[in-house]
PDB file of N, CA and C in Angstrom:
ATOM      1  N   MET A   1       0.846  -1.180   0.000  1.00  0.00           N
ATOM      2  CA  MET A   1       0.000   0.000   0.000  1.00  0.00           C
ATOM      3  C   MET A   1       0.890   1.241   0.000  1.00  0.00           C
ATOM      4  N   PRO A   2       0.660   2.156  -0.930  1.00  0.00           N
ATOM      5  CA  PRO A   2       1.489   3.368  -0.975  1.00  0.00           C
ATOM      6  C   PRO A   2       1.217   4.281   0.224  1.00  0.00           C
ATOM      7  N   GLY A   3       2.256   4.940   0.669  1.00  0.00           N
ATOM      8  CA  GLY A   3       2.120   5.853   1.794  1.00  0.00           C
ATOM      9  C   GLY A   3       1.712   7.244   1.353  1.00  0.00           C
ATOM     10  N   VAL A   4       1.263   8.027   2.312  1.00  0.00           N
ATOM     11  CA  VAL A   4       0.925   9.421   2.071  1.00  0.00           C
ATOM     12  C   VAL A   4       1.591  10.260   3.160  1.00  0.00           C
ATOM     13  N   TYR A   5       1.807  11.508   2.845  1.00  0.00           N
ATOM     14  CA  TYR A   5       2.363  12.464   3.787  1.00  0.00           C
ATOM     15  C   TYR A   5       1.266  13.450   4.128  1.00  0.00           C
ATOM     16  N   GLU A   6       1.263  13.925   5.372  1.00  0.00           N
ATOM     17  CA  GLU A   6       0.293  14.940   5.755  1.00  0.00           C
ATOM     18  C   GLU A   6       1.017  16.026   6.517  1.00  0.00           C
ATOM     19  N   ILE A   7       0.781  17.245   6.105  1.00  0.00           N
ATOM     20  CA  ILE A   7       1.323  18.400   6.818  1.00  0.00           C
ATOM     21  C   ILE A   7       0.145  19.223   7.316  1.00  0.00           C
ATOM     22  N   TYR A   8       0.423  20.133   8.215  1.00  0.00           N
ATOM     23  CA  TYR A   8      -0.627  21.053   8.624  1.00  0.00           C
ATOM     24  C   TYR A   8      -0.039  22.418   8.916  1.00  0.00           C
ATOM     25  N   VAL A   9      -0.920  23.396   8.794  1.00  0.00           N
ATOM     26  CA  VAL A   9      -0.583  24.780   9.101  1.00  0.00           C
ATOM     27  C   VAL A   9      -1.646  25.301  10.051  1.00  0.00           C
ATOM     28  N   LYS A  10      -1.202  26.034  11.048  1.00  0.00           N
ATOM     29  CA  LYS A  10      -2.102  26.612  12.054  1.00  0.00           C
ATOM     30  C   LYS A  10      -2.040  28.123  11.941  1.00  0.00           C
ATOM     31  N   ASP A  11      -3.210  28.764  11.972  1.00  0.00           N
ATOM     32  CA  ASP A  11      -3.291  30.223  11.880  1.00  0.00           C
ATOM     33  C   ASP A  11      -4.505  30.670  12.688  1.00  0.00           C
ATOM     34  N   HIS A  12      -4.808  31.947  12.635  1.00  0.00           N
ATOM     35  CA  HIS A  12      -5.930  32.464  13.420  1.00  0.00           C
ATOM     36  C   HIS A  12      -6.528  33.697  12.743  1.00  0.00           C
ATOM     37  N   PHE A  13      -7.741  34.028  13.179  1.00  0.00           N
ATOM     38  CA  PHE A  13      -8.388  35.268  12.778  1.00  0.00           C
ATOM     39  C   PHE A  13      -9.372  35.655  13.872  1.00  0.00           C
ATOM     40  N   ALA A  14      -9.748  36.918  13.891  1.00  0.00           N
ATOM     41  CA  ALA A  14     -10.723  37.414  14.856  1.00  0.00           C
ATOM     42  C   ALA A  14     -11.976  37.815  14.095  1.00  0.00           C
ATOM     43  N   ALA A  15     -13.134  37.359  14.583  1.00  0.00           N
ATOM     44  CA  ALA A  15     -14.392  37.714  13.928  1.00  0.00           C
ATOM     45  C   ALA A  15     -15.540  37.532  14.901  1.00  0.00           C
ATOM     46  N   ALA A  16     -16.597  38.278  14.633  1.00  0.00           N
ATOM     47  CA  ALA A  16     -17.819  38.191  15.433  1.00  0.00           C
ATOM     48  C   ALA A  16     -18.871  37.424  14.647  1.00  0.00           C
ATOM     49  N   HIS A  17     -19.871  36.938  15.369  1.00  0.00           N
ATOM     50  CA  HIS A  17     -21.010  36.318  14.715  1.00  0.00           C
ATOM     51  C   HIS A  17     -22.199  36.275  15.655  1.00  0.00           C
ATOM     52  N   VAL A  18     -23.352  35.984  15.077  1.00  0.00           N
ATOM     53  CA  VAL A  18     -24.613  35.805  15.792  1.00  0.00           C
ATOM     54  C   VAL A  18     -25.182  34.484  15.309  1.00  0.00           C
ATOM     55  N   LEU A  19     -25.660  33.655  16.220  1.00  0.00           N
ATOM     56  CA  LEU A  19     -26.319  32.413  15.825  1.00  0.00           C
ATOM     57  C   LEU A  19     -27.826  32.627  15.887  1.00  0.00           C
ATOM     58  N   LYS A  20     -28.394  32.899  14.734  1.00  0.00           N
ATOM     59  CA  LYS A  20     -29.830  33.177  14.644  1.00  0.00           C
ATOM     60  C   LYS A  20     -30.616  31.910  14.953  1.00  0.00           C
ATOM     61  N   GLY A  21     -31.649  32.075  15.792  1.00  0.00           N
ATOM     62  CA  GLY A  21     -32.489  30.952  16.164  1.00  0.00           C
ATOM     63  C   GLY A  21     -31.959  30.134  17.326  1.00  0.00           C
ATOM     64  N   TYR A  22     -30.790  30.487  17.818  1.00  0.00           N
ATOM     65  CA  TYR A  22     -30.193  29.765  18.940  1.00  0.00           C
ATOM     66  C   TYR A  22     -30.821  30.255  20.233  1.00  0.00           C
ATOM     67  N   ASP A  23     -31.154  29.347  21.131  1.00  0.00           N
ATOM     68  CA  ASP A  23     -31.766  29.704  22.405  1.00  0.00           C
ATOM     69  C   ASP A  23     -30.670  29.787  23.467  1.00  0.00           C
ATOM     70  N   GLY A  24     -30.034  30.949  23.566  1.00  0.00           N
ATOM     71  CA  GLY A  24     -28.960  31.128  24.532  1.00  0.00           C
ATOM     72  C   GLY A  24     -28.140  32.352  24.204  1.00  0.00           C
ATOM     73  N   ASN A  25     -27.037  32.519  24.931  1.00  0.00           N
ATOM     74  CA  ASN A  25     -26.201  33.716  24.790  1.00  0.00           C
ATOM     75  C   ASN A  25     -25.643  33.902  23.390  1.00  0.00           C
ATOM     76  N   CYS A  26     -25.434  32.814  22.666  1.00  0.00           N
ATOM     77  CA  CYS A  26     -24.829  32.924  21.333  1.00  0.00           C
ATOM     78  C   CYS A  26     -25.785  33.529  20.308  1.00  0.00           C
ATOM     79  N   SER A  27     -27.027  33.792  20.707  1.00  0.00           N
ATOM     80  CA  SER A  27     -27.943  34.504  19.807  1.00  0.00           C
ATOM     81  C   SER A  27     -27.646  36.002  19.813  1.00  0.00           C
ATOM     82  N   ASN A  28     -26.785  36.436  20.739  1.00  0.00           N
ATOM     83  CA  ASN A  28     -26.321  37.820  20.778  1.00  0.00           C
ATOM     84  C   ASN A  28     -24.999  37.923  20.029  1.00  0.00           C
ATOM     85  N   MET A  29     -24.726  39.106  19.523  1.00  0.00           N
ATOM     86  CA  MET A  29     -23.445  39.353  18.856  1.00  0.00           C
ATOM     87  C   MET A  29     -22.318  39.071  19.839  1.00  0.00           C
ATOM     88  N   HIS A  30     -21.349  38.279  19.391  1.00  0.00           N
ATOM     89  CA  HIS A  30     -20.174  37.984  20.202  1.00  0.00           C
ATOM     90  C   HIS A  30     -19.026  37.630  19.266  1.00  0.00           C
ATOM     91  N   GLY A  31     -17.833  37.681  19.781  1.00  0.00           N
ATOM     92  CA  GLY A  31     -16.672  37.438  18.940  1.00  0.00           C
ATOM     93  C   GLY A  31     -15.785  36.336  19.478  1.00  0.00           C
ATOM     94  N   HIS A  32     -14.916  35.867  18.596  1.00  0.00           N
ATOM     95  CA  HIS A  32     -13.953  34.826  18.945  1.00  0.00           C
ATOM     96  C   HIS A  32     -12.607  35.164  18.314  1.00  0.00           C
ATOM     97  N   ASN A  33     -11.575  34.680  18.932  1.00  0.00           N
ATOM     98  CA  ASN A  33     -10.267  34.602  18.306  1.00  0.00           C
ATOM     99  C   ASN A  33     -10.158  33.167  17.797  1.00  0.00           C
ATOM    100  N   TRP A  34     -10.591  32.975  16.556  1.00  0.00           N
ATOM    101  CA  TRP A  34     -10.682  31.652  15.954  1.00  0.00           C
ATOM    102  C   TRP A  34      -9.287  31.115  15.648  1.00  0.00           C
ATOM    103  N   ILE A  35      -9.061  29.850  15.942  1.00  0.00           N
ATOM    104  CA  ILE A  35      -7.841  29.147  15.571  1.00  0.00           C
ATOM    105  C   ILE A  35      -8.210  28.178  14.452  1.00  0.00           C
ATOM    106  N   VAL A  36      -7.387  28.128  13.418  1.00  0.00           N
ATOM    107  CA  VAL A  36      -7.653  27.278  12.261  1.00  0.00           C
ATOM    108  C   VAL A  36      -6.450  26.379  12.012  1.00  0.00           C
ATOM    109  N   GLU A  37      -6.709  25.090  11.823  1.00  0.00           N
ATOM    110  CA  GLU A  37      -5.683  24.144  11.422  1.00  0.00           C
ATOM    111  C   GLU A  37      -6.114  23.544  10.087  1.00  0.00           C
ATOM    112  N   ALA A  38      -5.242  23.634   9.094  1.00  0.00           N
ATOM    113  CA  ALA A  38      -5.512  23.065   7.776  1.00  0.00           C
ATOM    114  C   ALA A  38      -4.555  21.897   7.555  1.00  0.00           C
ATOM    115  N   TYR A  39      -5.113  20.739   7.213  1.00  0.00           N
ATOM    116  CA  TYR A  39      -4.342  19.522   6.984  1.00  0.00           C
ATOM    117  C   TYR A  39      -4.324  19.208   5.491  1.00  0.00           C
ATOM    118  N   ILE A  40      -3.117  18.959   4.980  1.00  0.00           N
ATOM    119  CA  ILE A  40      -2.926  18.731   3.552  1.00  0.00           C
ATOM    120  C   ILE A  40      -2.192  17.410   3.362  1.00  0.00           C
ATOM    121  N   GLN A  41      -2.752  16.560   2.510  1.00  0.00           N
ATOM    122  CA  GLN A  41      -2.159  15.253   2.202  1.00  0.00           C
ATOM    123  C   GLN A  41      -1.420  15.333   0.875  1.00  0.00           C
ATOM    124  N   CYS A  42      -0.246  14.724   0.846  1.00  0.00           N
ATOM    125  CA  CYS A  42       0.570  14.699  -0.367  1.00  0.00           C
ATOM    126  C   CYS A  42       0.931  13.253  -0.674  1.00  0.00           C
ATOM    127  N   THR A  43       0.773  12.858  -1.916  1.00  0.00           N
ATOM    128  CA  THR A  43       1.081  11.481  -2.304  1.00  0.00           C
ATOM    129  C   THR A  43       2.403  11.371  -3.043  1.00  0.00           C
ATOM    130  N   LYS A  44       3.049  12.490  -3.264  1.00  0.00           N
ATOM    131  CA  LYS A  44       4.316  12.499  -4.010  1.00  0.00           C
ATOM    132  C   LYS A  44       5.185  13.631  -3.474  1.00  0.00           C
ATOM    133  N   LEU A  45       6.476  13.386  -3.371  1.00  0.00           N
ATOM    134  CA  LEU A  45       7.417  14.416  -2.938  1.00  0.00           C
ATOM    135  C   LEU A  45       8.153  14.977  -4.145  1.00  0.00           C
ATOM    136  N   ASP A  46       8.520  16.244  -4.065  1.00  0.00           N
ATOM    137  CA  ASP A  46       9.293  16.858  -5.148  1.00  0.00           C
ATOM    138  C   ASP A  46      10.783  16.526  -4.985  1.00  0.00           C
ATOM    139  N   HIS A  47      11.608  17.111  -5.822  1.00  0.00           N
ATOM    140  CA  HIS A  47      13.045  16.827  -5.813  1.00  0.00           C
ATOM    141  C   HIS A  47      13.730  17.251  -4.508  1.00  0.00           C
ATOM    142  N   LEU A  48      13.087  18.114  -3.731  1.00  0.00           N
ATOM    143  CA  LEU A  48      13.633  18.539  -2.443  1.00  0.00           C
ATOM    144  C   LEU A  48      13.164  17.657  -1.288  1.00  0.00           C
ATOM    145  N   GLY A  49      12.208  16.780  -1.588  1.00  0.00           N
ATOM    146  CA  GLY A  49      11.649  15.936  -0.538  1.00  0.00           C
ATOM    147  C   GLY A  49      10.438  16.552   0.138  1.00  0.00           C
ATOM    148  N   MET A  50       9.789  17.509  -0.512  1.00  0.00           N
ATOM    149  CA  MET A  50       8.593  18.158   0.044  1.00  0.00           C
ATOM    150  C   MET A  50       7.366  17.787  -0.780  1.00  0.00           C
ATOM    151  N   GLY A  51       6.251  17.552  -0.086  1.00  0.00           N
ATOM    152  CA  GLY A  51       4.990  17.330  -0.778  1.00  0.00           C
ATOM    153  C   GLY A  51       4.401  18.649  -1.245  1.00  0.00           C
ATOM    154  N   ILE A  52       4.493  19.634  -0.385  1.00  0.00           N
ATOM    155  CA  ILE A  52       4.080  21.000  -0.703  1.00  0.00           C
ATOM    156  C   ILE A  52       4.844  21.917   0.238  1.00  0.00           C
ATOM    157  N   ASP A  53       5.235  23.044  -0.241  1.00  0.00           N
ATOM    158  CA  ASP A  53       5.989  24.001   0.560  1.00  0.00           C
ATOM    159  C   ASP A  53       5.066  24.625   1.611  1.00  0.00           C
ATOM    160  N   PHE A  54       5.498  24.632   2.866  1.00  0.00           N
ATOM    161  CA  PHE A  54       4.719  25.260   3.935  1.00  0.00           C
ATOM    162  C   PHE A  54       4.342  26.696   3.568  1.00  0.00           C
ATOM    163  N   MET A  55       5.259  27.386   2.890  1.00  0.00           N
ATOM    164  CA  MET A  55       4.990  28.780   2.525  1.00  0.00           C
ATOM    165  C   MET A  55       3.783  28.886   1.582  1.00  0.00           C
ATOM    166  N   ASP A  56       3.623  27.921   0.675  1.00  0.00           N
ATOM    167  CA  ASP A  56       2.468  27.928  -0.225  1.00  0.00           C
ATOM    168  C   ASP A  56       1.172  27.701   0.545  1.00  0.00           C
ATOM    169  N   VAL A  57       1.216  26.793   1.512  1.00  0.00           N
ATOM    170  CA  VAL A  57       0.024  26.530   2.329  1.00  0.00           C
ATOM    171  C   VAL A  57      -0.281  27.748   3.196  1.00  0.00           C
ATOM    172  N   LYS A  58       0.737  28.301   3.846  1.00  0.00           N
ATOM    173  CA  LYS A  58       0.537  29.478   4.693  1.00  0.00           C
ATOM    174  C   LYS A  58      -0.025  30.642   3.888  1.00  0.00           C
ATOM    175  N   SER A  59       0.457  30.820   2.675  1.00  0.00           N
ATOM    176  CA  SER A  59      -0.034  31.896   1.819  1.00  0.00           C
ATOM    177  C   SER A  59      -1.509  31.713   1.492  1.00  0.00           C
ATOM    178  N   ALA A  60      -1.900  30.487   1.153  1.00  0.00           N
ATOM    179  CA  ALA A  60      -3.314  30.213   0.852  1.00  0.00           C
ATOM    180  C   ALA A  60      -4.185  30.424   2.084  1.00  0.00           C
ATOM    181  N   VAL A  61      -3.724  29.948   3.233  1.00  0.00           N
ATOM    182  CA  VAL A  61      -4.491  30.117   4.474  1.00  0.00           C
ATOM    183  C   VAL A  61      -4.630  31.599   4.807  1.00  0.00           C
ATOM    184  N   THR A  62      -3.542  32.336   4.719  1.00  0.00           N
ATOM    185  CA  THR A  62      -3.576  33.777   4.998  1.00  0.00           C
ATOM    186  C   THR A  62      -4.550  34.491   4.071  1.00  0.00           C
ATOM    187  N   ASP A  63      -4.516  34.143   2.794  1.00  0.00           N
ATOM    188  CA  ASP A  63      -5.410  34.763   1.815  1.00  0.00           C
ATOM    189  C   ASP A  63      -6.876  34.510   2.162  1.00  0.00           C
ATOM    190  N   VAL A  64      -7.211  33.262   2.467  1.00  0.00           N
ATOM    191  CA  VAL A  64      -8.608  32.922   2.778  1.00  0.00           C
ATOM    192  C   VAL A  64      -9.044  33.561   4.098  1.00  0.00           C
ATOM    193  N   LEU A  65      -8.190  33.501   5.116  1.00  0.00           N
ATOM    194  CA  LEU A  65      -8.560  34.061   6.421  1.00  0.00           C
ATOM    195  C   LEU A  65      -8.668  35.581   6.388  1.00  0.00           C
ATOM    196  N   SER A  66      -7.927  36.229   5.490  1.00  0.00           N
ATOM    197  CA  SER A  66      -7.986  37.692   5.417  1.00  0.00           C
ATOM    198  C   SER A  66      -9.388  38.180   5.055  1.00  0.00           C
ATOM    199  N   LYS A  67     -10.163  37.359   4.379  1.00  0.00           N
ATOM    200  CA  LYS A  67     -11.543  37.723   4.022  1.00  0.00           C
ATOM    201  C   LYS A  67     -12.478  37.641   5.223  1.00  0.00           C
ATOM    202  N   LEU A  68     -12.061  36.919   6.276  1.00  0.00           N
ATOM    203  CA  LEU A  68     -12.886  36.749   7.475  1.00  0.00           C
ATOM    204  C   LEU A  68     -12.425  37.619   8.642  1.00  0.00           C
ATOM    205  N   ASP A  69     -11.157  37.973   8.655  1.00  0.00           N
ATOM    206  CA  ASP A  69     -10.559  38.641   9.803  1.00  0.00           C
ATOM    207  C   ASP A  69     -11.188  40.005  10.062  1.00  0.00           C
ATOM    208  N   HIS A  70     -11.529  40.236  11.314  1.00  0.00           N
ATOM    209  CA  HIS A  70     -12.123  41.486  11.781  1.00  0.00           C
ATOM    210  C   HIS A  70     -13.411  41.837  11.025  1.00  0.00           C
ATOM    211  N   THR A  71     -14.246  40.825  10.830  1.00  0.00           N
ATOM    212  CA  THR A  71     -15.558  41.023  10.220  1.00  0.00           C
ATOM    213  C   THR A  71     -16.623  40.496  11.169  1.00  0.00           C
ATOM    214  N   THR A  72     -17.857  40.769  10.806  1.00  0.00           N
ATOM    215  CA  THR A  72     -18.995  40.069  11.379  1.00  0.00           C
ATOM    216  C   THR A  72     -19.372  39.027  10.338  1.00  0.00           C
ATOM    217  N   LEU A  73     -19.161  37.764  10.666  1.00  0.00           N
ATOM    218  CA  LEU A  73     -19.327  36.699   9.679  1.00  0.00           C
ATOM    219  C   LEU A  73     -20.715  36.693   9.051  1.00  0.00           C
ATOM    220  N   ASN A  74     -21.739  37.033   9.826  1.00  0.00           N
ATOM    221  CA  ASN A  74     -23.114  37.061   9.295  1.00  0.00           C
ATOM    222  C   ASN A  74     -23.270  38.036   8.140  1.00  0.00           C
ATOM    223  N   ASP A  75     -22.420  39.052   8.064  1.00  0.00           N
ATOM    224  CA  ASP A  75     -22.518  40.063   7.005  1.00  0.00           C
ATOM    225  C   ASP A  75     -21.879  39.622   5.690  1.00  0.00           C
ATOM    226  N   LEU A  76     -21.126  38.534   5.700  1.00  0.00           N
ATOM    227  CA  LEU A  76     -20.448  38.072   4.497  1.00  0.00           C
ATOM    228  C   LEU A  76     -21.420  37.286   3.604  1.00  0.00           C
ATOM    229  N   PRO A  77     -21.306  37.442   2.292  1.00  0.00           N
ATOM    230  CA  PRO A  77     -22.210  36.735   1.375  1.00  0.00           C
ATOM    231  C   PRO A  77     -22.214  35.218   1.588  1.00  0.00           C
ATOM    232  N   GLU A  78     -21.068  34.653   1.967  1.00  0.00           N
ATOM    233  CA  GLU A  78     -20.966  33.207   2.158  1.00  0.00           C
ATOM    234  C   GLU A  78     -21.858  32.692   3.290  1.00  0.00           C
ATOM    235  N   PHE A  79     -22.220  33.571   4.215  1.00  0.00           N
ATOM    236  CA  PHE A  79     -23.007  33.152   5.366  1.00  0.00           C
ATOM    237  C   PHE A  79     -24.369  33.837   5.434  1.00  0.00           C
ATOM    238  N   CYS A  80     -24.795  34.443   4.346  1.00  0.00           N
ATOM    239  CA  CYS A  80     -26.077  35.153   4.386  1.00  0.00           C
ATOM    240  C   CYS A  80     -27.266  34.199   4.506  1.00  0.00           C
ATOM    241  N   ASN A  81     -27.111  32.947   4.076  1.00  0.00           N
ATOM    242  CA  ASN A  81     -28.217  31.988   4.143  1.00  0.00           C
ATOM    243  C   ASN A  81     -27.980  30.869   5.142  1.00  0.00           C
ATOM    244  N   MET A  82     -26.947  30.996   5.969  1.00  0.00           N
ATOM    245  CA  MET A  82     -26.674  29.978   6.984  1.00  0.00           C
ATOM    246  C   MET A  82     -25.979  30.619   8.173  1.00  0.00           C
ATOM    247  N   ASN A  83     -26.171  30.025   9.334  1.00  0.00           N
ATOM    248  CA  ASN A  83     -25.485  30.495  10.528  1.00  0.00           C
ATOM    249  C   ASN A  83     -23.986  30.231  10.402  1.00  0.00           C
ATOM    250  N   PRO A  84     -23.169  31.195  10.783  1.00  0.00           N
ATOM    251  CA  PRO A  84     -21.721  30.982  10.756  1.00  0.00           C
ATOM    252  C   PRO A  84     -21.248  30.224  12.000  1.00  0.00           C
ATOM    253  N   THR A  85     -21.746  29.006  12.143  1.00  0.00           N
ATOM    254  CA  THR A  85     -21.306  28.131  13.227  1.00  0.00           C
ATOM    255  C   THR A  85     -19.877  27.683  12.946  1.00  0.00           C
ATOM    256  N   SER A  86     -19.236  27.108  13.929  1.00  0.00           N
ATOM    257  CA  SER A  86     -17.880  26.610  13.692  1.00  0.00           C
ATOM    258  C   SER A  86     -17.897  25.512  12.629  1.00  0.00           C
ATOM    259  N   GLU A  87     -18.962  24.717  12.569  1.00  0.00           N
ATOM    260  CA  GLU A  87     -19.070  23.685  11.535  1.00  0.00           C
ATOM    261  C   GLU A  87     -19.118  24.307  10.141  1.00  0.00           C
ATOM    262  N   ASN A  88     -19.957  25.331   9.974  1.00  0.00           N
ATOM    263  CA  ASN A  88     -20.073  25.981   8.662  1.00  0.00           C
ATOM    264  C   ASN A  88     -18.821  26.761   8.293  1.00  0.00           C
ATOM    265  N   VAL A  89     -18.161  27.340   9.269  1.00  0.00           N
ATOM    266  CA  VAL A  89     -16.897  28.038   8.999  1.00  0.00           C
ATOM    267  C   VAL A  89     -15.844  27.025   8.556  1.00  0.00           C
ATOM    268  N   ALA A  90     -15.780  25.873   9.222  1.00  0.00           N
ATOM    269  CA  ALA A  90     -14.820  24.836   8.841  1.00  0.00           C
ATOM    270  C   ALA A  90     -15.056  24.372   7.405  1.00  0.00           C
ATOM    271  N   LYS A  91     -16.310  24.139   7.031  1.00  0.00           N
ATOM    272  CA  LYS A  91     -16.614  23.700   5.668  1.00  0.00           C
ATOM    273  C   LYS A  91     -16.257  24.784   4.654  1.00  0.00           C
ATOM    274  N   PHE A  92     -16.577  26.045   4.961  1.00  0.00           N
ATOM    275  CA  PHE A  92     -16.229  27.148   4.072  1.00  0.00           C
ATOM    276  C   PHE A  92     -14.718  27.199   3.835  1.00  0.00           C
ATOM    277  N   LEU A  93     -13.940  27.116   4.916  1.00  0.00           N
ATOM    278  CA  LEU A  93     -12.485  27.178   4.791  1.00  0.00           C
ATOM    279  C   LEU A  93     -11.949  25.975   4.018  1.00  0.00           C
ATOM    280  N   TYR A  94     -12.495  24.801   4.273  1.00  0.00           N
ATOM    281  CA  TYR A  94     -12.093  23.603   3.535  1.00  0.00           C
ATOM    282  C   TYR A  94     -12.299  23.799   2.033  1.00  0.00           C
ATOM    283  N   THR A  95     -13.466  24.290   1.668  1.00  0.00           N
ATOM    284  CA  THR A  95     -13.787  24.496   0.254  1.00  0.00           C
ATOM    285  C   THR A  95     -12.854  25.519  -0.380  1.00  0.00           C
ATOM    286  N   GLN A  96     -12.641  26.630   0.296  1.00  0.00           N
ATOM    287  CA  GLN A  96     -11.779  27.680  -0.246  1.00  0.00           C
ATOM    288  C   GLN A  96     -10.331  27.208  -0.372  1.00  0.00           C
ATOM    289  N   LEU A  97      -9.820  26.539   0.651  1.00  0.00           N
ATOM    290  CA  LEU A  97      -8.436  26.070   0.598  1.00  0.00           C
ATOM    291  C   LEU A  97      -8.258  24.977  -0.457  1.00  0.00           C
ATOM    292  N   SER A  98      -9.269  24.140  -0.631  1.00  0.00           N
ATOM    293  CA  SER A  98      -9.202  23.110  -1.674  1.00  0.00           C
ATOM    294  C   SER A  98      -9.080  23.741  -3.046  1.00  0.00           C
ATOM    295  N   ARG A  99      -9.797  24.821  -3.281  1.00  0.00           N
ATOM    296  CA  ARG A  99      -9.704  25.527  -4.568  1.00  0.00           C
ATOM    297  C   ARG A  99      -8.299  26.091  -4.798  1.00  0.00           C
ATOM    298  N   HIS A 100      -7.662  26.530  -3.725  1.00  0.00           N
ATOM    299  CA  HIS A 100      -6.322  27.106  -3.831  1.00  0.00           C
ATOM    300  C   HIS A 100      -5.224  26.055  -3.989  1.00  0.00           C
ATOM    301  N   LEU A 101      -5.372  24.911  -3.309  1.00  0.00           N
ATOM    302  CA  LEU A 101      -4.233  24.015  -3.131  1.00  0.00           C
ATOM    303  C   LEU A 101      -4.323  22.666  -3.836  1.00  0.00           C
ATOM    304  N   ASN A 102      -5.518  22.141  -4.053  1.00  0.00           N
ATOM    305  CA  ASN A 102      -5.630  20.773  -4.554  1.00  0.00           C
ATOM    306  C   ASN A 102      -5.040  20.610  -5.951  1.00  0.00           C
ATOM    307  N   THR A 103      -4.277  19.541  -6.118  1.00  0.00           N
ATOM    308  CA  THR A 103      -3.729  19.141  -7.409  1.00  0.00           C
ATOM    309  C   THR A 103      -3.866  17.623  -7.489  1.00  0.00           C
ATOM    310  N   GLU A 104      -3.234  17.042  -8.494  1.00  0.00           N
ATOM    311  CA  GLU A 104      -3.271  15.587  -8.643  1.00  0.00           C
ATOM    312  C   GLU A 104      -2.672  14.876  -7.426  1.00  0.00           C
ATOM    313  N   HIS A 105      -1.642  15.462  -6.816  1.00  0.00           N
ATOM    314  CA  HIS A 105      -0.929  14.809  -5.711  1.00  0.00           C
ATOM    315  C   HIS A 105      -1.091  15.522  -4.368  1.00  0.00           C
ATOM    316  N   ILE A 106      -1.852  16.609  -4.337  1.00  0.00           N
ATOM    317  CA  ILE A 106      -2.023  17.403  -3.107  1.00  0.00           C
ATOM    318  C   ILE A 106      -3.514  17.586  -2.862  1.00  0.00           C
ATOM    319  N   THR A 107      -3.951  17.259  -1.633  1.00  0.00           N
ATOM    320  CA  THR A 107      -5.370  17.368  -1.298  1.00  0.00           C
ATOM    321  C   THR A 107      -5.535  17.915   0.114  1.00  0.00           C
ATOM    322  N   VAL A 108      -6.373  18.920   0.261  1.00  0.00           N
ATOM    323  CA  VAL A 108      -6.771  19.360   1.596  1.00  0.00           C
ATOM    324  C   VAL A 108      -7.621  18.236   2.165  1.00  0.00           C
ATOM    325  N   THR A 109      -7.233  17.698   3.313  1.00  0.00           N
ATOM    326  CA  THR A 109      -7.952  16.567   3.885  1.00  0.00           C
ATOM    327  C   THR A 109      -8.890  16.961   5.012  1.00  0.00           C
ATOM    328  N   LYS A 110      -8.556  18.018   5.731  1.00  0.00           N
ATOM    329  CA  LYS A 110      -9.385  18.399   6.873  1.00  0.00           C
ATOM    330  C   LYS A 110      -9.065  19.824   7.281  1.00  0.00           C
ATOM    331  N   VAL A 111     -10.071  20.516   7.747  1.00  0.00           N
ATOM    332  CA  VAL A 111      -9.882  21.828   8.369  1.00  0.00           C
ATOM    333  C   VAL A 111     -10.543  21.779   9.740  1.00  0.00           C
ATOM    334  N   MET A 112      -9.775  22.158  10.750  1.00  0.00           N
ATOM    335  CA  MET A 112     -10.298  22.249  12.112  1.00  0.00           C
ATOM    336  C   MET A 112     -10.404  23.720  12.490  1.00  0.00           C
ATOM    337  N   VAL A 113     -11.487  24.056  13.172  1.00  0.00           N
ATOM    338  CA  VAL A 113     -11.748  25.433  13.600  1.00  0.00           C
ATOM    339  C   VAL A 113     -12.065  25.403  15.089  1.00  0.00           C
ATOM    340  N   PHE A 114     -11.397  26.251  15.845  1.00  0.00           N
ATOM    341  CA  PHE A 114     -11.633  26.355  17.284  1.00  0.00           C
ATOM    342  C   PHE A 114     -12.141  27.756  17.605  1.00  0.00           C
ATOM    343  N   GLU A 115     -13.304  27.834  18.233  1.00  0.00           N
ATOM    344  CA  GLU A 115     -13.846  29.124  18.680  1.00  0.00           C
ATOM    345  C   GLU A 115     -13.164  29.582  19.955  1.00  0.00           C
ATOM    346  N   SER A 116     -12.801  28.634  20.782  1.00  0.00           N
ATOM    347  CA  SER A 116     -12.128  28.911  22.038  1.00  0.00           C
ATOM    348  C   SER A 116     -11.339  27.656  22.407  1.00  0.00           C
ATOM    349  N   PRO A 117     -10.421  27.749  23.347  1.00  0.00           N
ATOM    350  CA  PRO A 117      -9.654  26.555  23.717  1.00  0.00           C
ATOM    351  C   PRO A 117     -10.587  25.414  24.139  1.00  0.00           C
ATOM    352  N   GLY A 118     -10.431  24.292  23.495  1.00  0.00           N
ATOM    353  CA  GLY A 118     -11.240  23.121  23.848  1.00  0.00           C
ATOM    354  C   GLY A 118     -12.571  23.011  23.151  1.00  0.00           C
ATOM    355  N   CYS A 119     -12.962  23.995  22.320  1.00  0.00           N
ATOM    356  CA  CYS A 119     -14.254  23.955  21.638  1.00  0.00           C
ATOM    357  C   CYS A 119     -14.078  24.266  20.161  1.00  0.00           C
ATOM    358  N   GLY A 120     -14.445  23.330  19.326  1.00  0.00           N
ATOM    359  CA  GLY A 120     -14.309  23.547  17.906  1.00  0.00           C
ATOM    360  C   GLY A 120     -14.930  22.437  17.106  1.00  0.00           C
ATOM    361  N   SER A 121     -14.675  22.455  15.824  1.00  0.00           N
ATOM    362  CA  SER A 121     -15.207  21.434  14.935  1.00  0.00           C
ATOM    363  C   SER A 121     -14.258  21.272  13.758  1.00  0.00           C
ATOM    364  N   SER A 122     -14.506  20.224  12.991  1.00  0.00           N
ATOM    365  CA  SER A 122     -13.691  20.017  11.806  1.00  0.00           C
ATOM    366  C   SER A 122     -14.610  19.607  10.653  1.00  0.00           C
ATOM    367  N   TYR A 123     -14.074  19.775   9.443  1.00  0.00           N
ATOM    368  CA  TYR A 123     -14.780  19.333   8.247  1.00  0.00           C
ATOM    369  C   TYR A 123     -13.795  18.624   7.343  1.00  0.00           C
ATOM    370  N   ARG A 124     -14.242  17.488   6.795  1.00  0.00           N
ATOM    371  CA  ARG A 124     -13.489  16.741   5.810  1.00  0.00           C
ATOM    372  C   ARG A 124     -14.498  16.037   4.921  1.00  0.00           C
ATOM    373  N   GLU A 125     -14.047  15.646   3.770  1.00  0.00           N
ATOM    374  CA  GLU A 125     -14.920  14.906   2.867  1.00  0.00           C
ATOM    375  C   GLU A 125     -14.428  13.483   2.762  1.00  0.00           C
ATOM    376  N   VAL A 126     -15.365  12.558   2.685  1.00  0.00           N
ATOM    377  CA  VAL A 126     -15.009  11.132   2.617  1.00  0.00           C
ATOM    378  C   VAL A 126     -15.407  10.532   1.308  1.00  0.00           C
TER     379      VAL A 126
END
């Protein structure tokens, strides 16, 4: 069975959100310092022994997170028809990073999002 390599990059952004229809404090505007971990699988290494350069992954993550940083997530077009829960944020980031990074030998495998230490969610496709 052929092996695969997996790398990850961790970054963060600050954003507010409201969970519409939620029965509790999160139905009020509140913010988080979100932590994001993006996991990338590589099935082939280049001549340097890298599946993908960390700098390329960091650049893609920075680009995608810059659209969310210091915003109210509910105001963004991507979340106008859904609550910006950590689950939906994880799926959004997964989709965006996949568009930036996926190739024949490189695949975004999972994105984890943490709203606070110990609380978060992840999204991956099977």
